Amino acid sequence: MPILNTPSAALRYETSGDPAHPPLVLLHGAMETFEACWKKPLPTLAERHFVIGLDLRGHGESSNTLDGLDTRQLADDVAAVLDALGVPRAHVAGFSAGASVALYFALRHPGRARSLTLISNNVSRDTIRRETNFWDAERQRREEGLWWHFLLKVHRLPPERMLGWWAAEDAIRPDLGPDDLRALTMPALVMGGDRDPIVPFNETLNLYQWLPNAQLCIVPGAGHGIHRHRLAIFLDAVQLFLRNA
């Protein structure tokens, strides 16, 4: 797969679909990879879009020479990949932390996001993950064995190091509010499940209400990851949105 070398990371990226179709960037969640996150919806989305995906720095096959993560830096990495591909503007979709990256991409690179699809993410600084010791490596190793084996399989870096990065990033990530998001006038689709144990329901509603040109899609009975667990509903909603965005 292609690698883009930047001053502080080597970013693995890939493309799918016809380059003549509208570009669509897909951003994965924390501790995932592009392939693991988007494997199920990718074939359908690539039928009508030129899909661009990358392993965020420090994830999968992408390196990170900085001792930490910053969502704003991740957003700048996305811009660097688009620059390398000669893509000035694209639809951008992100899941969980990837949706936060999408928001910062739109804020830091005005005019480059043609639309935003934001799935299961906080808009304010997180409290639930901190209160539940979400990023603790020993807890994950003990309580989530299958997940831990997945982390060991797909990442080049030790999961303990990556989890520490995300715990620190959660603590410093700037809060976003209505004043911050008012400038994001592009079409936006905010998606979430009403049983998400990680992202409070009011976070999804706030994001929808604070974006000036947003639509809302709530999937009843769904948790975190509707793009995988409610694939047909997800694809119907996203494809309808993108056709009109």
Foldseek 3Di string as FASTA:
>chain_A
DDWDDDPFKTKDKDKAADPVAAEEEEAEAALAAFCVQCVVVVVVVRDRHTYMYIGQDQFFPMHGNDQADALLVSLVVVVVVCVVVVQQAHAYEYAESGLVSVLSNCLVRPPRHLEYEYEQYFQFQDDLCVVVVVLQPVCCVVPPVVSLVVSVPGGPDHSNSSSVRVVVNSVPHHHDALVSQAVVQHEYEQEYECAAPRHHPVRSVRVQVSHPHYDYYYDYPDYGRCCPVVVVVVVVVVVVSVVPD
